[in-house]
Amino acid sequence: MQNVLVLGSGLVGKVMARDLAADFNVTVADRNEKALEGLQEDGIATLCTNLADAENLQRILPPFDLVVGALPGFLGFETVRTVIEAGKSMVDISFFPEDPFELDELAHKHQVTVVTDCGVAPGMGNMLLGYHNARMKIHSYTCLVGGLPVVRQWPWQYRAVFSPADVIEEYVRPARFVQNGALVVREALTDPELIDFEGIGTLEAWNTDGLRTLLRTMRHIPNMIEKTLRYPGSMEYMRVLRHAGYFSAEETEVNGMRIRPIDLTARLLFRQWQLKPGEEEFTVMRIVIEGQENGTDKKVQYDLLDRTDRQTGTLSMARTTGYTCTAVAHLVASGQFSRVGVCPPEYLGESESNVEFVLNYLKARNVKYAMLTHS
């Protein structure tokens, strides 16, 4: 049985570790001892250590056959670099802001497979686009996605499963998308539109920088955009905070101390955005791909609506993100996907067997994508 190391024991990391433990010897590493509680009862080894220390991380990597990354984005890039230098393949969901292809040459040098951005979006959306790109001449790709609490509470109408700093990054980083073949860059939180979803109602979609690697790998597609979904009205709160400087990474002096406003904001919002015990949330995503197949116009739509698993208490965002990652971890561990280098999920999507495996893996865990095709 192969040995798998999961880096990070947050809400998603724990879910992935428990899922992988059915087929692998799993160890979870995290600097927070409390975050590791409960895992040993499931037969999972734990390691409390500072993962931000590259030398320390290098020391713990040798026994493992595969690494799965679930750390905050600000740690992601250097962590992936360290794992590659150790000669280990990796599947990662840290969604770091740096360009993962900067590590491609290093990954080739060490002959390892590194799948980045392997969550729900980015992740599953990329995979499905990669699949259809190999079979269609695509002229339009749209991804609408969001994770929200079932109960709306003023003022935020939001709960965070990921690190608040990573969520805030969505509100700050300029949104890049492709329109009529040209790269367009706009502020995040722009171009709002109201969209209806069956079983949910009306949500608000606005620009975020979610295309990431698709801007390079799918640059031939003339129209591509990703928008984040929230409850109507919540966007304005984020715009006010950003405009007032609460999301700024530039240091300012307060009572003789230098602080970054974003660090204070993230700390304050962490408590307010935490899901309370028993609170439920859901993940909603719609992917629309339009183009031509064999000379005929074709439109493919994938809809996902996933809710907190009431029986186990497993959060939807952890399920939809984590199980996509663990499905791909199985593909890499088994050698079914062995492409050397940095591999965003659209590369996996080129193979029908890969997509079929991941969709079936998710379906077995009650994460279901409904597909509609119009010709």
Protein backbone atom coordinates (compact mmCIF):
# COMPACT_ATOMS: atom_id res chain seq x y z
CA MET A 1 0.00 0.00 0.00
CA GLN A 2 1.38 3.40 -0.99
CA ASN A 3 2.19 6.11 1.53
CA VAL A 4 0.41 9.45 1.04
CA LEU A 5 1.19 12.68 2.87
CA VAL A 6 -1.57 15.30 3.18
CA LEU A 7 -0.25 18.77 3.91
CA GLY A 8 -2.81 20.73 5.91
CA SER A 9 -5.56 19.58 8.24
CA GLY A 10 -8.20 22.21 7.68
CA LEU A 11 -11.80 21.47 6.80
CA VAL A 12 -10.86 20.23 3.33
CA GLY A 13 -7.58 18.55 4.26
CA LYS A 14 -9.26 16.36 6.87
CA VAL A 15 -11.96 15.26 4.46
CA MET A 16 -9.35 14.31 1.88
CA ALA A 17 -7.26 12.42 4.40
CA ARG A 18 -10.22 10.33 5.55
CA ASP A 19 -11.21 9.61 1.97
CA LEU A 20 -7.69 8.55 0.96
CA ALA A 21 -7.26 6.37 4.06
CA ALA A 22 -9.51 3.70 2.51
CA ASP A 23 -6.82 2.92 -0.09
CA PHE A 24 -3.52 4.33 1.20
CA ASN A 25 -1.40 4.67 4.30
CA VAL A 26 -2.12 8.32 5.07
CA THR A 27 -0.21 10.80 7.20
CA VAL A 28 -1.51 14.33 7.78
CA ALA A 29 0.88 17.15 8.66
CA ASP A 30 -0.15 20.49 10.16
CA ARG A 31 1.44 23.01 12.50
CA ASN A 32 -1.74 23.18 14.60
CA GLU A 33 -1.97 20.20 16.91
CA LYS A 34 -5.66 20.83 17.57
CA ALA A 35 -6.39 20.62 13.84
CA LEU A 36 -5.01 17.06 13.85
CA GLU A 37 -7.35 15.83 16.58
CA GLY A 38 -9.61 12.93 15.71
CA LEU A 39 -7.62 11.66 12.73
CA GLN A 40 -5.74 8.93 14.59
CA GLU A 41 -9.08 7.37 15.53
CA ASP A 42 -9.56 6.76 11.78
CA GLY A 43 -6.18 5.04 11.44
CA ILE A 44 -4.48 8.14 10.04
CA ALA A 45 -1.00 9.06 11.27
CA THR A 46 -0.46 12.70 12.26
CA LEU A 47 2.56 14.95 12.30
CA CYS A 48 2.57 18.33 14.03
CA THR A 49 5.24 20.41 12.31
CA ASN A 50 5.93 23.76 10.69
CA LEU A 51 5.20 23.31 7.00
CA ALA A 52 6.27 26.88 6.18
CA ASP A 53 9.89 25.84 6.86
CA ALA A 54 11.20 24.39 3.57
CA GLU A 55 14.07 22.53 5.22
CA ASN A 56 11.70 21.00 7.73
CA LEU A 57 9.33 19.96 4.96
CA GLN A 58 12.20 18.36 3.02
CA ARG A 59 13.06 16.25 6.04
CA ILE A 60 9.61 14.68 6.31
CA LEU A 61 9.02 13.94 2.60
CA PRO A 62 11.28 10.92 1.87
CA PRO A 63 8.96 8.09 3.10
CA PHE A 64 6.04 9.15 0.94
CA ASP A 65 5.02 8.09 -2.54
CA LEU A 66 2.59 10.95 -3.18
CA VAL A 67 1.89 14.34 -1.62
CA VAL A 68 -1.50 16.03 -1.48
CA GLY A 69 -1.46 19.77 -0.76
CA ALA A 70 -4.22 21.57 1.15
CA LEU A 71 -2.42 24.61 2.54
CA PRO A 72 -3.40 28.29 2.34
CA GLY A 73 -2.53 29.97 -0.95
CA PHE A 74 0.33 32.08 0.43
CA LEU A 75 2.22 28.86 1.27
CA GLY A 76 1.30 26.95 -1.87
CA PHE A 77 3.90 27.92 -4.46
CA GLU A 78 7.00 27.40 -2.30
CA THR A 79 5.52 24.21 -0.87
CA VAL A 80 5.03 22.77 -4.35
CA ARG A 81 8.60 23.79 -5.23
CA THR A 82 9.96 21.97 -2.17
CA VAL A 83 7.95 18.83 -2.94
CA ILE A 84 9.21 18.81 -6.54
CA GLU A 85 12.82 19.23 -5.40
CA ALA A 86 12.33 16.19 -3.17
CA GLY A 87 11.36 14.18 -6.26
CA LYS A 88 7.76 13.60 -5.21
CA SER A 89 4.63 13.79 -7.34
CA MET A 90 1.83 15.97 -5.97
CA VAL A 91 -1.83 16.91 -6.30
CA ASP A 92 -2.55 20.37 -4.89
CA ILE A 93 -5.53 22.59 -3.98
CA SER A 94 -3.76 25.57 -2.42
CA PHE A 95 -4.75 27.82 -5.36
CA PHE A 96 -1.65 29.98 -4.96
CA PRO A 97 -1.55 33.28 -6.91
CA GLU A 98 1.77 32.61 -8.65
CA ASP A 99 2.01 31.05 -12.12
CA PRO A 100 2.39 27.26 -11.60
CA PHE A 101 4.15 26.89 -14.96
CA GLU A 102 7.16 28.63 -13.43
CA LEU A 103 7.77 25.24 -11.78
CA ASP A 104 7.28 23.19 -14.94
CA GLU A 105 10.96 22.99 -15.87
CA LEU A 106 11.82 21.92 -12.32
CA ALA A 107 9.13 19.23 -12.40
CA HIS A 108 10.54 17.90 -15.70
CA LYS A 109 14.03 17.89 -14.23
CA HIS A 110 12.88 15.70 -11.36
CA GLN A 111 10.50 13.67 -13.55
CA VAL A 112 7.46 14.17 -11.35
CA THR A 113 3.77 14.78 -11.99
CA VAL A 114 2.27 17.85 -10.30
CA VAL A 115 -1.45 18.52 -10.69
CA THR A 116 -2.27 22.03 -9.50
CA ASP A 117 -5.62 23.78 -8.94
CA CYS A 118 -7.31 20.42 -8.50
CA GLY A 119 -10.53 21.42 -6.75
CA VAL A 120 -14.03 22.21 -7.92
CA ALA A 121 -13.30 25.57 -9.59
CA PRO A 122 -10.60 25.85 -10.58
CA GLY A 123 -10.41 22.10 -11.03
CA MET A 124 -13.43 20.25 -12.24
CA GLY A 125 -14.39 23.08 -14.59
CA ASN A 126 -10.92 22.92 -16.17
CA MET A 127 -11.17 19.17 -16.54
CA LEU A 128 -14.52 19.32 -18.32
CA LEU A 129 -13.29 22.08 -20.61
CA GLY A 130 -10.20 20.02 -21.43
CA TYR A 131 -12.43 17.09 -22.34
CA HIS A 132 -14.64 19.05 -24.71
CA ASN A 133 -11.74 21.04 -26.14
CA ALA A 134 -10.30 17.77 -27.44
CA ARG A 135 -13.60 17.02 -29.20
CA MET A 136 -15.10 20.40 -30.15
CA LYS A 137 -14.12 23.74 -31.62
CA ILE A 138 -15.14 25.83 -28.63
CA HIS A 139 -16.02 29.51 -28.92
CA SER A 140 -17.36 30.12 -25.40
CA TYR A 141 -16.70 28.89 -21.86
CA THR A 142 -18.52 30.23 -18.80
CA CYS A 143 -18.06 29.05 -15.22
CA LEU A 144 -20.31 30.32 -12.42
CA VAL A 145 -19.48 28.98 -8.97
CA GLY A 146 -19.98 29.70 -5.29
CA GLY A 147 -20.22 28.19 -1.84
CA LEU A 148 -22.82 29.69 0.49
CA PRO A 149 -24.51 29.09 3.86
CA VAL A 150 -28.08 27.84 3.70
CA VAL A 151 -29.18 30.47 6.23
CA ARG A 152 -28.53 34.08 5.16
CA GLN A 153 -27.43 36.33 8.01
CA TRP A 154 -26.77 40.06 7.83
CA PRO A 155 -24.35 41.57 6.95
CA TRP A 156 -22.06 39.04 5.28
CA GLN A 157 -24.52 36.36 4.11
CA TYR A 158 -21.43 34.19 3.82
CA ARG A 159 -19.35 31.54 5.58
CA ALA A 160 -15.78 30.54 4.69
CA VAL A 161 -14.57 26.97 4.40
CA PHE A 162 -11.17 28.12 3.13
CA SER A 163 -8.72 30.53 4.72
CA PRO A 164 -10.32 34.01 4.89
CA ALA A 165 -7.14 35.47 3.37
CA ASP A 166 -7.67 33.28 0.31
CA VAL A 167 -11.31 34.39 0.04
CA ILE A 168 -10.30 38.05 0.32
CA GLU A 169 -7.84 37.48 -2.51
CA GLU A 170 -10.85 36.90 -4.79
CA TYR A 171 -12.09 40.38 -3.91
CA VAL A 172 -8.74 42.07 -4.54
CA ARG A 173 -7.01 40.37 -7.45
CA PRO A 174 -7.93 41.89 -10.85
CA ALA A 175 -10.21 39.61 -12.85
CA ARG A 176 -8.84 38.39 -16.19
CA PHE A 177 -11.10 36.96 -18.86
CA VAL A 178 -11.17 36.58 -22.64
CA GLN A 179 -13.70 38.42 -24.77
CA ASN A 180 -13.77 38.25 -28.57
CA GLY A 181 -10.26 36.87 -28.56
CA ALA A 182 -8.79 39.66 -26.43
CA LEU A 183 -7.58 39.47 -22.84
CA VAL A 184 -9.63 41.78 -20.64
CA VAL A 185 -8.56 42.84 -17.14
CA ARG A 186 -11.05 44.42 -14.77
CA GLU A 187 -11.40 44.93 -11.06
CA ALA A 188 -12.83 42.03 -9.15
CA LEU A 189 -16.41 42.53 -7.96
CA THR A 190 -17.48 44.06 -11.28
CA ASP A 191 -20.12 43.33 -13.94
CA PRO A 192 -22.74 41.90 -11.55
CA GLU A 193 -25.65 39.92 -12.96
CA LEU A 194 -28.55 38.06 -11.37
CA ILE A 195 -28.94 34.37 -12.26
CA ASP A 196 -31.61 31.89 -11.19
CA PHE A 197 -30.74 28.40 -9.97
CA GLU A 198 -33.29 25.69 -9.41
CA GLY A 199 -33.50 24.72 -5.76
CA ILE A 200 -31.65 27.87 -4.66
CA GLY A 201 -33.29 30.92 -6.19
CA THR A 202 -31.57 34.04 -7.48
CA LEU A 203 -27.86 34.59 -6.91
CA GLU A 204 -25.52 37.39 -7.92
CA ALA A 205 -22.52 36.67 -10.16
CA TRP A 206 -19.52 38.97 -10.54
CA ASN A 207 -16.04 38.88 -12.04
CA THR A 208 -13.23 37.04 -10.30
CA ASP A 209 -9.84 35.85 -11.49
CA GLY A 210 -10.73 32.17 -11.73
CA LEU A 211 -9.58 31.21 -15.22
CA ARG A 212 -5.96 30.97 -14.08
CA THR A 213 -4.09 28.39 -16.23
CA LEU A 214 -6.86 28.38 -18.85
CA LEU A 215 -5.61 31.79 -19.98
CA ARG A 216 -2.51 29.98 -21.22
CA THR A 217 -3.62 26.47 -22.09
CA MET A 218 -6.94 27.44 -23.74
CA ARG A 219 -5.95 30.81 -25.17
CA HIS A 220 -7.39 29.80 -28.56
CA ILE A 221 -10.95 29.93 -27.15
CA PRO A 222 -12.24 33.45 -27.99
CA ASN A 223 -14.59 33.84 -25.01
CA MET A 224 -13.87 32.59 -21.48
CA ILE A 225 -15.05 33.93 -18.13
CA GLU A 226 -15.44 32.82 -14.54
CA LYS A 227 -17.73 34.52 -12.05
CA THR A 228 -18.23 33.97 -8.33
CA LEU A 229 -21.75 33.49 -6.96
CA ARG A 230 -23.03 35.11 -3.77
CA TYR A 231 -26.37 36.15 -2.34
CA PRO A 232 -27.61 39.38 -3.96
CA GLY A 233 -26.31 42.50 -2.25
CA SER A 234 -23.27 40.99 -0.53
CA MET A 235 -20.93 42.26 -3.24
CA GLU A 236 -21.40 45.87 -2.14
CA TYR A 237 -20.12 45.14 1.37
CA MET A 238 -16.91 43.76 -0.09
CA ARG A 239 -16.52 46.75 -2.42
CA VAL A 240 -16.85 49.16 0.51
CA LEU A 241 -14.23 47.30 2.57
CA ARG A 242 -11.83 47.14 -0.36
CA HIS A 243 -12.31 50.83 -1.17
CA ALA A 244 -11.72 51.77 2.48
CA GLY A 245 -8.40 49.90 2.51
CA TYR A 246 -9.29 46.97 4.76
CA PHE A 247 -7.97 44.50 2.17
CA SER A 248 -4.70 46.36 1.59
CA ALA A 249 -1.42 44.44 1.91
CA GLU A 250 0.55 47.66 2.40
CA GLU A 251 1.75 48.21 5.94
CA THR A 252 0.38 51.10 7.95
CA GLU A 253 1.38 52.42 11.38
CA VAL A 254 -1.01 51.98 14.31
CA ASN A 255 0.16 53.12 17.76
CA GLY A 256 3.77 52.71 16.75
CA MET A 257 3.28 49.25 15.25
CA ARG A 258 3.43 48.33 11.56
CA ILE A 259 0.54 46.15 10.44
CA ARG A 260 -1.04 45.08 7.17
CA PRO A 261 -4.77 45.89 7.14
CA ILE A 262 -5.54 42.62 5.34
CA ASP A 263 -4.05 40.60 8.22
CA LEU A 264 -6.28 42.31 10.76
CA THR A 265 -9.33 42.05 8.49
CA ALA A 266 -8.74 38.34 7.88
CA ARG A 267 -8.38 37.74 11.62
CA LEU A 268 -11.62 39.56 12.40
CA LEU A 269 -13.58 38.00 9.56
CA PHE A 270 -12.33 34.50 10.39
CA ARG A 271 -14.50 34.47 13.50
CA GLN A 272 -17.50 35.99 11.75
CA TRP A 273 -17.24 33.74 8.68
CA GLN A 274 -16.79 30.48 10.57
CA LEU A 275 -19.59 27.97 10.21
CA LYS A 276 -21.20 27.35 13.56
CA PRO A 277 -21.82 23.76 14.71
CA GLY A 278 -24.81 22.38 12.85
CA GLU A 279 -24.83 25.10 10.18
CA GLU A 280 -25.24 23.81 6.65
CA GLU A 281 -23.94 25.16 3.36
CA PHE A 282 -24.10 24.31 -0.31
CA THR A 283 -21.99 24.51 -3.44
CA VAL A 284 -23.50 25.59 -6.72
CA MET A 285 -21.75 25.60 -10.08
CA ARG A 286 -22.82 25.99 -13.68
CA ILE A 287 -20.45 25.38 -16.59
CA VAL A 288 -21.55 26.27 -20.11
CA ILE A 289 -19.44 25.27 -23.12
CA GLU A 290 -20.51 26.31 -26.61
CA GLY A 291 -19.00 25.58 -29.99
CA GLN A 292 -19.09 23.16 -32.89
CA GLU A 293 -18.66 19.42 -33.03
CA ASN A 294 -18.39 17.72 -36.42
CA GLY A 295 -19.67 20.89 -38.07
CA THR A 296 -22.79 21.11 -35.88
CA ASP A 297 -23.48 23.77 -33.25
CA LYS A 298 -23.37 22.30 -29.75
CA LYS A 299 -23.96 23.61 -26.25
CA VAL A 300 -23.08 21.58 -23.17
CA GLN A 301 -24.14 22.62 -19.68
CA TYR A 302 -23.04 21.04 -16.41
CA ASP A 303 -24.94 21.89 -13.22
CA LEU A 304 -23.83 21.04 -9.71
CA LEU A 305 -25.83 21.58 -6.54
CA ASP A 306 -24.29 19.87 -3.56
CA ARG A 307 -25.25 20.27 0.10
CA THR A 308 -23.71 19.49 3.47
CA ASP A 309 -23.93 15.75 4.15
CA ARG A 310 -26.28 15.66 7.13
CA GLN A 311 -25.38 12.09 8.01
CA THR A 312 -21.64 12.73 8.36
CA GLY A 313 -21.61 16.50 8.76
CA THR A 314 -19.14 16.80 5.89
CA LEU A 315 -19.35 20.23 4.32
CA SER A 316 -20.25 20.53 0.66
CA MET A 317 -17.28 22.70 -0.31
CA ALA A 318 -14.99 20.18 1.35
CA ARG A 319 -16.69 17.34 -0.54
CA THR A 320 -16.78 18.96 -3.97
CA THR A 321 -13.22 20.30 -3.70
CA GLY A 322 -11.65 17.50 -1.69
CA TYR A 323 -13.10 14.51 -3.54
CA THR A 324 -12.08 15.95 -6.90
CA CYS A 325 -8.54 16.16 -5.55
CA THR A 326 -8.56 12.65 -4.05
CA ALA A 327 -9.98 11.19 -7.28
CA VAL A 328 -7.05 12.66 -9.18
CA ALA A 329 -4.66 11.48 -6.46
CA HIS A 330 -5.84 7.94 -7.25
CA LEU A 331 -5.15 8.52 -10.96
CA VAL A 332 -1.62 9.73 -10.24
CA ALA A 333 -0.85 7.06 -7.64
CA SER A 334 -2.00 4.27 -9.97
CA GLY A 335 -0.04 5.63 -12.92
CA GLN A 336 -3.20 6.14 -14.96
CA PHE A 337 -2.17 9.77 -15.23
CA SER A 338 1.61 10.07 -15.43
CA ARG A 339 2.30 13.12 -17.57
CA VAL A 340 5.54 14.67 -16.32
CA GLY A 341 5.58 18.34 -15.40
CA VAL A 342 3.11 20.85 -14.00
CA CYS A 343 -0.32 19.67 -15.10
CA PRO A 344 -3.44 21.76 -14.57
CA PRO A 345 -6.67 19.71 -14.59
CA GLU A 346 -7.46 20.54 -18.22
CA TYR A 347 -4.60 18.20 -19.16
CA LEU A 348 -6.33 15.31 -17.39
CA GLY A 349 -9.56 16.15 -19.17
CA GLU A 350 -8.10 15.28 -22.56
CA SER A 351 -8.57 11.61 -21.67
CA GLU A 352 -12.14 10.30 -21.57
CA SER A 353 -11.15 7.58 -19.12
CA ASN A 354 -9.80 10.16 -16.68
CA VAL A 355 -12.98 12.24 -16.79
CA GLU A 356 -15.15 9.14 -16.48
CA PHE A 357 -13.13 7.96 -13.48
CA VAL A 358 -13.40 11.30 -11.68
CA LEU A 359 -17.13 11.73 -12.36
CA ASN A 360 -17.84 8.18 -11.17
CA TYR A 361 -15.63 8.69 -8.12
CA LEU A 362 -17.59 11.81 -7.23
CA LYS A 363 -20.94 10.16 -7.94
CA ALA A 364 -20.06 7.32 -5.57
CA ARG A 365 -19.70 10.01 -2.89
CA ASN A 366 -23.01 11.61 -3.93
CA VAL A 367 -21.42 14.58 -5.70
CA LYS A 368 -23.33 14.63 -8.97
CA TYR A 369 -22.93 16.74 -12.09
CA ALA A 370 -26.03 16.97 -14.28
CA MET A 371 -25.22 17.39 -17.98
CA LEU A 372 -27.52 18.92 -20.57
CA THR A 373 -26.64 18.94 -24.27
CA HIS A 374 -28.21 21.14 -26.94
CA SER A 375 -27.35 20.76 -30.62
